[in-house]
Amino acid sequence: MIDHLYQEQIKDEEGLSSHNVPTPELLMMESAIGVLVSQFKAYAGSDGSADTLSRDEFRRLVKAELPNFVKNAGDPATVDQLMSSLDANNDGELNFLEFWQLIGRLASKHGGFSQ
C-alpha cells in the first residue's frame, strides 16, 4: 500500500528543511482517490499488464463497479464504444490517465457540471 505522507517544513538553525511525515488519517477526497486507484489495480493485470485495463478487464470493471453511472453497462458493444472513446493512443488498452478521463466525465455528469 502507498505510504500516505505530507511535506512538513521545520525551521532549524540553517533555515527551512522539509521532511515527509505520515498523515494520521486520510481526508475524504484522498480516500476517494485511493479507492479509484485500488479499483483500477484490482481489475488491471488479469489479462496482461498490471498498468492497463484490457477490453475484457474494462468490461468487467464497468459492469461490476459502475452499473448506475454507465448506461447499458452490461452491454459489451456499449462498453467497447466507451472504451474506444477513452483510448487516446489506440492501443486497445486503457492506462490510468485514460481511465481517469472516464472518472472525470462521470463525475461532471453526476455533479451537474456542463461539459
PDB file of N, CA and C in Angstrom:
ATOM      1  N   MET A   1       0.840  -1.177   0.000  1.00  0.00           N
ATOM      2  CA  MET A   1       0.000   0.000   0.000  1.00  0.00           C
ATOM      3  C   MET A   1       0.886   1.241   0.000  1.00  0.00           C
ATOM      4  N   ILE A   2       0.403   2.276  -0.615  1.00  0.00           N
ATOM      5  CA  ILE A   2       1.145   3.529  -0.713  1.00  0.00           C
ATOM      6  C   ILE A   2       1.200   4.185   0.657  1.00  0.00           C
ATOM      7  N   ASP A   3       2.381   4.658   1.025  1.00  0.00           N
ATOM      8  CA  ASP A   3       2.505   5.416   2.270  1.00  0.00           C
ATOM      9  C   ASP A   3       1.864   6.781   2.075  1.00  0.00           C
ATOM     10  N   HIS A   4       1.100   7.200   3.026  1.00  0.00           N
ATOM     11  CA  HIS A   4       0.430   8.496   2.959  1.00  0.00           C
ATOM     12  C   HIS A   4       1.283   9.499   3.724  1.00  0.00           C
ATOM     13  N   LEU A   5       1.879  10.404   2.965  1.00  0.00           N
ATOM     14  CA  LEU A   5       2.823  11.358   3.540  1.00  0.00           C
ATOM     15  C   LEU A   5       2.449  12.775   3.143  1.00  0.00           C
ATOM     16  N   TYR A   6       2.837  13.709   3.935  1.00  0.00           N
ATOM     17  CA  TYR A   6       2.748  15.105   3.544  1.00  0.00           C
ATOM     18  C   TYR A   6       4.064  15.772   3.877  1.00  0.00           C
ATOM     19  N   GLN A   7       4.310  16.886   3.219  1.00  0.00           N
ATOM     20  CA  GLN A   7       5.555  17.621   3.462  1.00  0.00           C
ATOM     21  C   GLN A   7       5.380  18.520   4.676  1.00  0.00           C
ATOM     22  N   GLU A   8       6.270  18.428   5.592  1.00  0.00           N
ATOM     23  CA  GLU A   8       6.273  19.330   6.739  1.00  0.00           C
ATOM     24  C   GLU A   8       7.561  20.127   6.677  1.00  0.00           C
ATOM     25  N   GLN A   9       7.446  21.428   6.830  1.00  0.00           N
ATOM     26  CA  GLN A   9       8.641  22.261   6.846  1.00  0.00           C
ATOM     27  C   GLN A   9       8.905  22.685   8.283  1.00  0.00           C
ATOM     28  N   ILE A  10      10.115  22.477   8.701  1.00  0.00           N
ATOM     29  CA  ILE A  10      10.512  22.902  10.039  1.00  0.00           C
ATOM     30  C   ILE A  10      11.681  23.864   9.909  1.00  0.00           C
ATOM     31  N   LYS A  11      11.771  24.740  10.846  1.00  0.00           N
ATOM     32  CA  LYS A  11      12.850  25.725  10.816  1.00  0.00           C
ATOM     33  C   LYS A  11      13.950  25.249  11.758  1.00  0.00           C
ATOM     34  N   ASP A  12      15.134  25.172  11.202  1.00  0.00           N
ATOM     35  CA  ASP A  12      16.284  24.844  12.035  1.00  0.00           C
ATOM     36  C   ASP A  12      17.263  26.016  11.984  1.00  0.00           C
ATOM     37  N   GLU A  13      18.427  25.844  12.556  1.00  0.00           N
ATOM     38  CA  GLU A  13      19.395  26.935  12.597  1.00  0.00           C
ATOM     39  C   GLU A  13      19.805  27.411  11.205  1.00  0.00           C
ATOM     40  N   GLU A  14      19.762  26.532  10.225  1.00  0.00           N
ATOM     41  CA  GLU A  14      20.231  26.870   8.882  1.00  0.00           C
ATOM     42  C   GLU A  14      19.107  27.345   7.972  1.00  0.00           C
ATOM     43  N   GLY A  15      17.888  27.400   8.449  1.00  0.00           N
ATOM     44  CA  GLY A  15      16.763  27.811   7.619  1.00  0.00           C
ATOM     45  C   GLY A  15      15.675  26.760   7.641  1.00  0.00           C
ATOM     46  N   LEU A  16      14.945  26.665   6.528  1.00  0.00           N
ATOM     47  CA  LEU A  16      13.854  25.698   6.436  1.00  0.00           C
ATOM     48  C   LEU A  16      14.350  24.376   5.886  1.00  0.00           C
ATOM     49  N   SER A  17      13.868  23.301   6.427  1.00  0.00           N
ATOM     50  CA  SER A  17      14.130  21.996   5.829  1.00  0.00           C
ATOM     51  C   SER A  17      12.812  21.242   5.780  1.00  0.00           C
ATOM     52  N   SER A  18      12.660  20.376   4.796  1.00  0.00           N
ATOM     53  CA  SER A  18      11.426  19.617   4.620  1.00  0.00           C
ATOM     54  C   SER A  18      11.687  18.151   4.880  1.00  0.00           C
ATOM     55  N   HIS A  19      10.696  17.489   5.404  1.00  0.00           N
ATOM     56  CA  HIS A  19      10.751  16.037   5.522  1.00  0.00           C
ATOM     57  C   HIS A  19       9.330  15.499   5.457  1.00  0.00           C
ATOM     58  N   ASN A  20       9.215  14.240   5.102  1.00  0.00           N
ATOM     59  CA  ASN A  20       7.910  13.604   4.973  1.00  0.00           C
ATOM     60  C   ASN A  20       7.448  13.067   6.317  1.00  0.00           C
ATOM     61  N   VAL A  21       6.174  13.294   6.598  1.00  0.00           N
ATOM     62  CA  VAL A  21       5.578  12.860   7.854  1.00  0.00           C
ATOM     63  C   VAL A  21       4.318  12.066   7.527  1.00  0.00           C
ATOM     64  N   PRO A  22       4.102  10.906   8.150  1.00  0.00           N
ATOM     65  CA  PRO A  22       2.866  10.162   7.889  1.00  0.00           C
ATOM     66  C   PRO A  22       1.640  10.959   8.331  1.00  0.00           C
ATOM     67  N   THR A  23       0.597  10.920   7.531  1.00  0.00           N
ATOM     68  CA  THR A  23      -0.650  11.567   7.925  1.00  0.00           C
ATOM     69  C   THR A  23      -1.412  10.641   8.864  1.00  0.00           C
ATOM     70  N   PRO A  24      -2.100  11.198   9.852  1.00  0.00           N
ATOM     71  CA  PRO A  24      -2.818  10.343  10.799  1.00  0.00           C
ATOM     72  C   PRO A  24      -4.000   9.622  10.157  1.00  0.00           C
ATOM     73  N   GLU A  25      -4.709  10.262   9.263  1.00  0.00           N
ATOM     74  CA  GLU A  25      -5.790   9.619   8.531  1.00  0.00           C
ATOM     75  C   GLU A  25      -6.036  10.394   7.250  1.00  0.00           C
ATOM     76  N   LEU A  26      -6.595   9.710   6.279  1.00  0.00           N
ATOM     77  CA  LEU A  26      -6.855  10.357   5.003  1.00  0.00           C
ATOM     78  C   LEU A  26      -8.131  11.176   5.074  1.00  0.00           C
ATOM     79  N   LEU A  27      -8.142  12.252   4.345  1.00  0.00           N
ATOM     80  CA  LEU A  27      -9.343  13.058   4.211  1.00  0.00           C
ATOM     81  C   LEU A  27     -10.255  12.409   3.183  1.00  0.00           C
ATOM     82  N   MET A  28     -11.495  12.860   3.108  1.00  0.00           N
ATOM     83  CA  MET A  28     -12.490  12.226   2.251  1.00  0.00           C
ATOM     84  C   MET A  28     -12.044  12.161   0.789  1.00  0.00           C
ATOM     85  N   MET A  29     -11.535  13.251   0.250  1.00  0.00           N
ATOM     86  CA  MET A  29     -11.130  13.260  -1.153  1.00  0.00           C
ATOM     87  C   MET A  29      -9.920  12.358  -1.378  1.00  0.00           C
ATOM     88  N   GLU A  30      -9.000  12.353  -0.439  1.00  0.00           N
ATOM     89  CA  GLU A  30      -7.834  11.478  -0.544  1.00  0.00           C
ATOM     90  C   GLU A  30      -8.262  10.014  -0.518  1.00  0.00           C
ATOM     91  N   SER A  31      -9.218   9.700   0.318  1.00  0.00           N
ATOM     92  CA  SER A  31      -9.739   8.329   0.376  1.00  0.00           C
ATOM     93  C   SER A  31     -10.404   7.939  -0.937  1.00  0.00           C
ATOM     94  N   ALA A  32     -11.162   8.882  -1.519  1.00  0.00           N
ATOM     95  CA  ALA A  32     -11.837   8.612  -2.789  1.00  0.00           C
ATOM     96  C   ALA A  32     -10.818   8.310  -3.888  1.00  0.00           C
ATOM     97  N   ILE A  33      -9.737   9.070  -3.932  1.00  0.00           N
ATOM     98  CA  ILE A  33      -8.680   8.814  -4.913  1.00  0.00           C
ATOM     99  C   ILE A  33      -8.072   7.440  -4.671  1.00  0.00           C
ATOM    100  N   GLY A  34      -7.837   7.114  -3.422  1.00  0.00           N
ATOM    101  CA  GLY A  34      -7.297   5.799  -3.081  1.00  0.00           C
ATOM    102  C   GLY A  34      -8.187   4.665  -3.541  1.00  0.00           C
ATOM    103  N   VAL A  35      -9.492   4.830  -3.402  1.00  0.00           N
ATOM    104  CA  VAL A  35     -10.439   3.804  -3.853  1.00  0.00           C
ATOM    105  C   VAL A  35     -10.371   3.650  -5.366  1.00  0.00           C
ATOM    106  N   LEU A  36     -10.335   4.758  -6.096  1.00  0.00           N
ATOM    107  CA  LEU A  36     -10.261   4.685  -7.561  1.00  0.00           C
ATOM    108  C   LEU A  36      -8.988   3.981  -8.019  1.00  0.00           C
ATOM    109  N   VAL A  37      -7.877   4.314  -7.400  1.00  0.00           N
ATOM    110  CA  VAL A  37      -6.608   3.664  -7.753  1.00  0.00           C
ATOM    111  C   VAL A  37      -6.669   2.177  -7.418  1.00  0.00           C
ATOM    112  N   SER A  38      -7.183   1.842  -6.250  1.00  0.00           N
ATOM    113  CA  SER A  38      -7.281   0.435  -5.838  1.00  0.00           C
ATOM    114  C   SER A  38      -8.166  -0.369  -6.772  1.00  0.00           C
ATOM    115  N   GLN A  39      -9.297   0.209  -7.174  1.00  0.00           N
ATOM    116  CA  GLN A  39     -10.200  -0.500  -8.073  1.00  0.00           C
ATOM    117  C   GLN A  39      -9.566  -0.694  -9.447  1.00  0.00           C
ATOM    118  N   PHE A  40      -8.880   0.327  -9.943  1.00  0.00           N
ATOM    119  CA  PHE A  40      -8.181   0.182 -11.222  1.00  0.00           C
ATOM    120  C   PHE A  40      -7.193  -0.977 -11.133  1.00  0.00           C
ATOM    121  N   LYS A  41      -6.387  -0.980 -10.070  1.00  0.00           N
ATOM    122  CA  LYS A  41      -5.380  -2.031  -9.905  1.00  0.00           C
ATOM    123  C   LYS A  41      -6.008  -3.406  -9.714  1.00  0.00           C
ATOM    124  N   ALA A  42      -7.156  -3.461  -9.074  1.00  0.00           N
ATOM    125  CA  ALA A  42      -7.822  -4.743  -8.841  1.00  0.00           C
ATOM    126  C   ALA A  42      -8.264  -5.393 -10.149  1.00  0.00           C
ATOM    127  N   TYR A  43      -8.652  -4.583 -11.125  1.00  0.00           N
ATOM    128  CA  TYR A  43      -9.117  -5.118 -12.406  1.00  0.00           C
ATOM    129  C   TYR A  43      -7.998  -5.226 -13.435  1.00  0.00           C
ATOM    130  N   ALA A  44      -6.996  -4.367 -13.359  1.00  0.00           N
ATOM    131  CA  ALA A  44      -5.895  -4.379 -14.328  1.00  0.00           C
ATOM    132  C   ALA A  44      -4.974  -5.563 -14.061  1.00  0.00           C
ATOM    133  N   GLY A  45      -4.422  -6.095 -15.116  1.00  0.00           N
ATOM    134  CA  GLY A  45      -3.385  -7.108 -14.960  1.00  0.00           C
ATOM    135  C   GLY A  45      -3.822  -8.543 -15.059  1.00  0.00           C
ATOM    136  N   SER A  46      -5.112  -8.816 -14.949  1.00  0.00           N
ATOM    137  CA  SER A  46      -5.517 -10.221 -15.030  1.00  0.00           C
ATOM    138  C   SER A  46      -5.347 -10.765 -16.449  1.00  0.00           C
ATOM    139  N   ASP A  47      -5.358  -9.867 -17.442  1.00  0.00           N
ATOM    140  CA  ASP A  47      -5.189 -10.291 -18.838  1.00  0.00           C
ATOM    141  C   ASP A  47      -3.825  -9.917 -19.418  1.00  0.00           C
ATOM    142  N   GLY A  48      -2.954  -9.340 -18.637  1.00  0.00           N
ATOM    143  CA  GLY A  48      -1.667  -8.896 -19.180  1.00  0.00           C
ATOM    144  C   GLY A  48      -1.006  -7.910 -18.255  1.00  0.00           C
ATOM    145  N   SER A  49      -0.807  -6.689 -18.754  1.00  0.00           N
ATOM    146  CA  SER A  49      -0.097  -5.661 -17.993  1.00  0.00           C
ATOM    147  C   SER A  49      -0.888  -5.225 -16.763  1.00  0.00           C
ATOM    148  N   ALA A  50      -0.200  -5.105 -15.647  1.00  0.00           N
ATOM    149  CA  ALA A  50      -0.829  -4.647 -14.406  1.00  0.00           C
ATOM    150  C   ALA A  50      -1.052  -3.136 -14.405  1.00  0.00           C
ATOM    151  N   ASP A  51      -0.547  -2.450 -15.433  1.00  0.00           N
ATOM    152  CA  ASP A  51      -0.678  -0.995 -15.515  1.00  0.00           C
ATOM    153  C   ASP A  51      -1.788  -0.539 -16.449  1.00  0.00           C
ATOM    154  N   THR A  52      -2.458  -1.492 -17.098  1.00  0.00           N
ATOM    155  CA  THR A  52      -3.504  -1.129 -18.049  1.00  0.00           C
ATOM    156  C   THR A  52      -4.708  -2.051 -17.900  1.00  0.00           C
ATOM    157  N   LEU A  53      -5.845  -1.564 -18.396  1.00  0.00           N
ATOM    158  CA  LEU A  53      -7.059  -2.370 -18.470  1.00  0.00           C
ATOM    159  C   LEU A  53      -7.231  -2.858 -19.899  1.00  0.00           C
ATOM    160  N   SER A  54      -7.338  -4.155 -20.074  1.00  0.00           N
ATOM    161  CA  SER A  54      -7.672  -4.710 -21.385  1.00  0.00           C
ATOM    162  C   SER A  54      -9.166  -4.477 -21.623  1.00  0.00           C
ATOM    163  N   ARG A  55      -9.629  -4.798 -22.798  1.00  0.00           N
ATOM    164  CA  ARG A  55     -11.050  -4.644 -23.124  1.00  0.00           C
ATOM    165  C   ARG A  55     -11.915  -5.463 -22.158  1.00  0.00           C
ATOM    166  N   ASP A  56     -11.540  -6.714 -21.923  1.00  0.00           N
ATOM    167  CA  ASP A  56     -12.317  -7.567 -21.013  1.00  0.00           C
ATOM    168  C   ASP A  56     -12.264  -7.057 -19.577  1.00  0.00           C
ATOM    169  N   GLU A  57     -11.103  -6.609 -19.139  1.00  0.00           N
ATOM    170  CA  GLU A  57     -10.980  -6.063 -17.782  1.00  0.00           C
ATOM    171  C   GLU A  57     -11.851  -4.819 -17.620  1.00  0.00           C
ATOM    172  N   PHE A  58     -11.846  -3.961 -18.642  1.00  0.00           N
ATOM    173  CA  PHE A  58     -12.663  -2.751 -18.594  1.00  0.00           C
ATOM    174  C   PHE A  58     -14.144  -3.104 -18.567  1.00  0.00           C
ATOM    175  N   ARG A  59     -14.547  -4.072 -19.380  1.00  0.00           N
ATOM    176  CA  ARG A  59     -15.949  -4.521 -19.358  1.00  0.00           C
ATOM    177  C   ARG A  59     -16.350  -4.987 -17.966  1.00  0.00           C
ATOM    178  N   ARG A  60     -15.488  -5.810 -17.345  1.00  0.00           N
ATOM    179  CA  ARG A  60     -15.797  -6.321 -16.002  1.00  0.00           C
ATOM    180  C   ARG A  60     -15.886  -5.184 -14.984  1.00  0.00           C
ATOM    181  N   LEU A  61     -14.953  -4.253 -15.059  1.00  0.00           N
ATOM    182  CA  LEU A  61     -14.958  -3.126 -14.125  1.00  0.00           C
ATOM    183  C   LEU A  61     -16.235  -2.301 -14.270  1.00  0.00           C
ATOM    184  N   VAL A  62     -16.582  -1.929 -15.488  1.00  0.00           N
ATOM    185  CA  VAL A  62     -17.764  -1.094 -15.714  1.00  0.00           C
ATOM    186  C   VAL A  62     -19.031  -1.814 -15.263  1.00  0.00           C
ATOM    187  N   LYS A  63     -19.149  -3.077 -15.621  1.00  0.00           N
ATOM    188  CA  LYS A  63     -20.351  -3.844 -15.264  1.00  0.00           C
ATOM    189  C   LYS A  63     -20.481  -3.999 -13.747  1.00  0.00           C
ATOM    190  N   ALA A  64     -19.378  -4.274 -13.070  1.00  0.00           N
ATOM    191  CA  ALA A  64     -19.420  -4.533 -11.628  1.00  0.00           C
ATOM    192  C   ALA A  64     -19.417  -3.261 -10.782  1.00  0.00           C
ATOM    193  N   GLU A  65     -18.692  -2.242 -11.220  1.00  0.00           N
ATOM    194  CA  GLU A  65     -18.465  -1.076 -10.366  1.00  0.00           C
ATOM    195  C   GLU A  65     -19.236   0.180 -10.769  1.00  0.00           C
ATOM    196  N   LEU A  66     -19.719   0.246 -12.016  1.00  0.00           N
ATOM    197  CA  LEU A  66     -20.356   1.478 -12.494  1.00  0.00           C
ATOM    198  C   LEU A  66     -21.719   1.259 -13.153  1.00  0.00           C
ATOM    199  N   PRO A  67     -22.497   0.266 -12.730  1.00  0.00           N
ATOM    200  CA  PRO A  67     -23.750  -0.012 -13.432  1.00  0.00           C
ATOM    201  C   PRO A  67     -24.784   1.106 -13.312  1.00  0.00           C
ATOM    202  N   ASN A  68     -24.688   1.934 -12.293  1.00  0.00           N
ATOM    203  CA  ASN A  68     -25.644   3.024 -12.108  1.00  0.00           C
ATOM    204  C   ASN A  68     -25.192   4.328 -12.758  1.00  0.00           C
ATOM    205  N   PHE A  69     -23.947   4.378 -13.194  1.00  0.00           N
ATOM    206  CA  PHE A  69     -23.410   5.593 -13.801  1.00  0.00           C
ATOM    207  C   PHE A  69     -23.187   5.449 -15.303  1.00  0.00           C
ATOM    208  N   VAL A  70     -23.036   4.226 -15.790  1.00  0.00           N
ATOM    209  CA  VAL A  70     -22.830   3.984 -17.221  1.00  0.00           C
ATOM    210  C   VAL A  70     -24.072   3.279 -17.758  1.00  0.00           C
ATOM    211  N   LYS A  71     -24.774   3.963 -18.644  1.00  0.00           N
ATOM    212  CA  LYS A  71     -25.982   3.396 -19.243  1.00  0.00           C
ATOM    213  C   LYS A  71     -25.615   2.154 -20.045  1.00  0.00           C
ATOM    214  N   ASN A  72     -26.375   1.085 -19.867  1.00  0.00           N
ATOM    215  CA  ASN A  72     -26.146  -0.198 -20.545  1.00  0.00           C
ATOM    216  C   ASN A  72     -24.767  -0.772 -20.219  1.00  0.00           C
ATOM    217  N   ALA A  73     -24.379  -0.681 -18.954  1.00  0.00           N
ATOM    218  CA  ALA A  73     -23.059  -1.145 -18.519  1.00  0.00           C
ATOM    219  C   ALA A  73     -22.837  -2.629 -18.781  1.00  0.00           C
ATOM    220  N   GLY A  74     -23.900  -3.394 -18.906  1.00  0.00           N
ATOM    221  CA  GLY A  74     -23.773  -4.826 -19.159  1.00  0.00           C
ATOM    222  C   GLY A  74     -23.706  -5.190 -20.627  1.00  0.00           C
ATOM    223  N   ASP A  75     -23.845  -4.204 -21.508  1.00  0.00           N
ATOM    224  CA  ASP A  75     -23.815  -4.458 -22.953  1.00  0.00           C
ATOM    225  C   ASP A  75     -22.389  -4.297 -23.472  1.00  0.00           C
ATOM    226  N   PRO A  76     -21.759  -5.398 -23.906  1.00  0.00           N
ATOM    227  CA  PRO A  76     -20.363  -5.318 -24.366  1.00  0.00           C
ATOM    228  C   PRO A  76     -20.130  -4.289 -25.473  1.00  0.00           C
ATOM    229  N   ALA A  77     -21.064  -4.162 -26.414  1.00  0.00           N
ATOM    230  CA  ALA A  77     -20.875  -3.211 -27.515  1.00  0.00           C
ATOM    231  C   ALA A  77     -20.853  -1.770 -27.001  1.00  0.00           C
ATOM    232  N   THR A  78     -21.710  -1.466 -26.052  1.00  0.00           N
ATOM    233  CA  THR A  78     -21.746  -0.123 -25.466  1.00  0.00           C
ATOM    234  C   THR A  78     -20.450   0.174 -24.725  1.00  0.00           C
ATOM    235  N   VAL A  79     -19.986  -0.792 -23.941  1.00  0.00           N
ATOM    236  CA  VAL A  79     -18.760  -0.598 -23.165  1.00  0.00           C
ATOM    237  C   VAL A  79     -17.550  -0.523 -24.094  1.00  0.00           C
ATOM    238  N   ASP A  80     -17.555  -1.306 -25.169  1.00  0.00           N
ATOM    239  CA  ASP A  80     -16.462  -1.234 -26.148  1.00  0.00           C
ATOM    240  C   ASP A  80     -16.399   0.145 -26.797  1.00  0.00           C
ATOM    241  N   GLN A  81     -17.564   0.703 -27.112  1.00  0.00           N
ATOM    242  CA  GLN A  81     -17.608   2.037 -27.711  1.00  0.00           C
ATOM    243  C   GLN A  81     -17.085   3.081 -26.718  1.00  0.00           C
ATOM    244  N   LEU A  82     -17.473   2.939 -25.459  1.00  0.00           N
ATOM    245  CA  LEU A  82     -16.976   3.838 -24.422  1.00  0.00           C
ATOM    246  C   LEU A  82     -15.458   3.731 -24.305  1.00  0.00           C
ATOM    247  N   MET A  83     -14.950   2.507 -24.297  1.00  0.00           N
ATOM    248  CA  MET A  83     -13.507   2.306 -24.187  1.00  0.00           C
ATOM    249  C   MET A  83     -12.780   2.943 -25.367  1.00  0.00           C
ATOM    250  N   SER A  84     -13.310   2.766 -26.560  1.00  0.00           N
ATOM    251  CA  SER A  84     -12.676   3.356 -27.748  1.00  0.00           C
ATOM    252  C   SER A  84     -12.601   4.873 -27.638  1.00  0.00           C
ATOM    253  N   SER A  85     -13.624   5.477 -27.035  1.00  0.00           N
ATOM    254  CA  SER A  85     -13.616   6.938 -26.887  1.00  0.00           C
ATOM    255  C   SER A  85     -12.581   7.407 -25.865  1.00  0.00           C
ATOM    256  N   LEU A  86     -12.164   6.523 -24.978  1.00  0.00           N
ATOM    257  CA  LEU A  86     -11.177   6.862 -23.945  1.00  0.00           C
ATOM    258  C   LEU A  86      -9.747   6.512 -24.345  1.00  0.00           C
ATOM    259  N   ASP A  87      -9.595   5.568 -25.259  1.00  0.00           N
ATOM    260  CA  ASP A  87      -8.287   5.017 -25.636  1.00  0.00           C
ATOM    261  C   ASP A  87      -7.549   5.985 -26.560  1.00  0.00           C
ATOM    262  N   ALA A  88      -6.924   7.002 -25.964  1.00  0.00           N
ATOM    263  CA  ALA A  88      -6.296   8.090 -26.723  1.00  0.00           C
ATOM    264  C   ALA A  88      -5.188   7.616 -27.650  1.00  0.00           C
ATOM    265  N   ASN A  89      -4.409   6.623 -27.241  1.00  0.00           N
ATOM    266  CA  ASN A  89      -3.302   6.162 -28.079  1.00  0.00           C
ATOM    267  C   ASN A  89      -3.671   4.951 -28.935  1.00  0.00           C
ATOM    268  N   ASN A  90      -4.925   4.560 -28.910  1.00  0.00           N
ATOM    269  CA  ASN A  90      -5.449   3.473 -29.754  1.00  0.00           C
ATOM    270  C   ASN A  90      -4.654   2.180 -29.653  1.00  0.00           C
ATOM    271  N   ASP A  91      -4.248   1.829 -28.433  1.00  0.00           N
ATOM    272  CA  ASP A  91      -3.509   0.578 -28.259  1.00  0.00           C
ATOM    273  C   ASP A  91      -4.393  -0.574 -27.782  1.00  0.00           C
ATOM    274  N   GLY A  92      -5.697  -0.326 -27.669  1.00  0.00           N
ATOM    275  CA  GLY A  92      -6.618  -1.381 -27.253  1.00  0.00           C
ATOM    276  C   GLY A  92      -6.641  -1.625 -25.756  1.00  0.00           C
ATOM    277  N   GLU A  93      -5.964  -0.774 -24.993  1.00  0.00           N
ATOM    278  CA  GLU A  93      -5.940  -0.868 -23.535  1.00  0.00           C
ATOM    279  C   GLU A  93      -6.114   0.536 -22.964  1.00  0.00           C
ATOM    280  N   LEU A  94      -6.494   0.607 -21.697  1.00  0.00           N
ATOM    281  CA  LEU A  94      -6.590   1.901 -21.031  1.00  0.00           C
ATOM    282  C   LEU A  94      -5.545   1.987 -19.935  1.00  0.00           C
ATOM    283  N   ASN A  95      -4.682   2.997 -20.038  1.00  0.00           N
ATOM    284  CA  ASN A  95      -3.780   3.258 -18.918  1.00  0.00           C
ATOM    285  C   ASN A  95      -4.563   4.069 -17.883  1.00  0.00           C
ATOM    286  N   PHE A  96      -3.948   4.357 -16.755  1.00  0.00           N
ATOM    287  CA  PHE A  96      -4.695   5.021 -15.690  1.00  0.00           C
ATOM    288  C   PHE A  96      -5.164   6.415 -16.097  1.00  0.00           C
ATOM    289  N   LEU A  97      -4.351   7.164 -16.833  1.00  0.00           N
ATOM    290  CA  LEU A  97      -4.769   8.507 -17.249  1.00  0.00           C
ATOM    291  C   LEU A  97      -5.948   8.454 -18.209  1.00  0.00           C
ATOM    292  N   GLU A  98      -5.970   7.467 -19.089  1.00  0.00           N
ATOM    293  CA  GLU A  98      -7.118   7.306 -19.983  1.00  0.00           C
ATOM    294  C   GLU A  98      -8.362   6.934 -19.175  1.00  0.00           C
ATOM    295  N   PHE A  99      -8.209   6.035 -18.224  1.00  0.00           N
ATOM    296  CA  PHE A  99      -9.309   5.648 -17.341  1.00  0.00           C
ATOM    297  C   PHE A  99      -9.807   6.855 -16.544  1.00  0.00           C
ATOM    298  N   TRP A 100      -8.889   7.696 -16.107  1.00  0.00           N
ATOM    299  CA  TRP A 100      -9.246   8.865 -15.308  1.00  0.00           C
ATOM    300  C   TRP A 100     -10.167   9.804 -16.083  1.00  0.00           C
ATOM    301  N   GLN A 101     -10.056   9.818 -17.416  1.00  0.00           N
ATOM    302  CA  GLN A 101     -10.960  10.640 -18.228  1.00  0.00           C
ATOM    303  C   GLN A 101     -12.408  10.199 -18.027  1.00  0.00           C
ATOM    304  N   LEU A 102     -12.621   8.893 -17.912  1.00  0.00           N
ATOM    305  CA  LEU A 102     -13.969   8.383 -17.643  1.00  0.00           C
ATOM    306  C   LEU A 102     -14.459   8.885 -16.293  1.00  0.00           C
ATOM    307  N   ILE A 103     -13.613   8.825 -15.288  1.00  0.00           N
ATOM    308  CA  ILE A 103     -13.998   9.282 -13.954  1.00  0.00           C
ATOM    309  C   ILE A 103     -14.381  10.760 -14.006  1.00  0.00           C
ATOM    310  N   GLY A 104     -13.611  11.548 -14.721  1.00  0.00           N
ATOM    311  CA  GLY A 104     -13.927  12.972 -14.867  1.00  0.00           C
ATOM    312  C   GLY A 104     -15.264  13.198 -15.548  1.00  0.00           C
ATOM    313  N   ARG A 105     -15.526  12.459 -16.611  1.00  0.00           N
ATOM    314  CA  ARG A 105     -16.804  12.584 -17.321  1.00  0.00           C
ATOM    315  C   ARG A 105     -17.972  12.200 -16.422  1.00  0.00           C
ATOM    316  N   LEU A 106     -17.835  11.065 -15.742  1.00  0.00           N
ATOM    317  CA  LEU A 106     -18.914  10.597 -14.872  1.00  0.00           C
ATOM    318  C   LEU A 106     -19.146  11.559 -13.712  1.00  0.00           C
ATOM    319  N   ALA A 107     -18.072  12.056 -13.121  1.00  0.00           N
ATOM    320  CA  ALA A 107     -18.207  12.998 -12.006  1.00  0.00           C
ATOM    321  C   ALA A 107     -18.858  14.300 -12.470  1.00  0.00           C
ATOM    322  N   SER A 108     -18.484  14.777 -13.651  1.00  0.00           N
ATOM    323  CA  SER A 108     -19.082  16.001 -14.190  1.00  0.00           C
ATOM    324  C   SER A 108     -20.573  15.826 -14.417  1.00  0.00           C
ATOM    325  N   LYS A 109     -20.934  14.706 -15.008  1.00  0.00           N
ATOM    326  CA  LYS A 109     -22.354  14.443 -15.271  1.00  0.00           C
ATOM    327  C   LYS A 109     -23.113  14.279 -13.958  1.00  0.00           C
ATOM    328  N   HIS A 110     -22.562  13.505 -13.045  1.00  0.00           N
ATOM    329  CA  HIS A 110     -23.206  13.261 -11.754  1.00  0.00           C
ATOM    330  C   HIS A 110     -23.369  14.559 -10.957  1.00  0.00           C
ATOM    331  N   GLY A 111     -22.394  15.441 -11.059  1.00  0.00           N
ATOM    332  CA  GLY A 111     -22.430  16.702 -10.324  1.00  0.00           C
ATOM    333  C   GLY A 111     -23.225  17.799 -11.002  1.00  0.00           C
ATOM    334  N   GLY A 112     -23.701  17.530 -12.224  1.00  0.00           N
ATOM    335  CA  GLY A 112     -24.477  18.526 -12.947  1.00  0.00           C
ATOM    336  C   GLY A 112     -23.640  19.627 -13.567  1.00  0.00           C
ATOM    337  N   PHE A 113     -22.355  19.353 -13.774  1.00  0.00           N
ATOM    338  CA  PHE A 113     -21.476  20.337 -14.396  1.00  0.00           C
ATOM    339  C   PHE A 113     -21.575  20.216 -15.910  1.00  0.00           C
ATOM    340  N   SER A 114     -21.525  21.356 -16.597  1.00  0.00           N
ATOM    341  CA  SER A 114     -21.582  21.305 -18.059  1.00  0.00           C
ATOM    342  C   SER A 114     -20.251  20.824 -18.600  1.00  0.00           C
ATOM    343  N   GLN A 115     -20.312  20.177 -19.753  1.00  0.00           N
ATOM    344  CA  GLN A 115     -19.084  19.631 -20.347  1.00  0.00           C
ATOM    345  C   GLN A 115     -18.749  20.344 -21.625  1.00  0.00           C
TER     346      GLN A 115
END
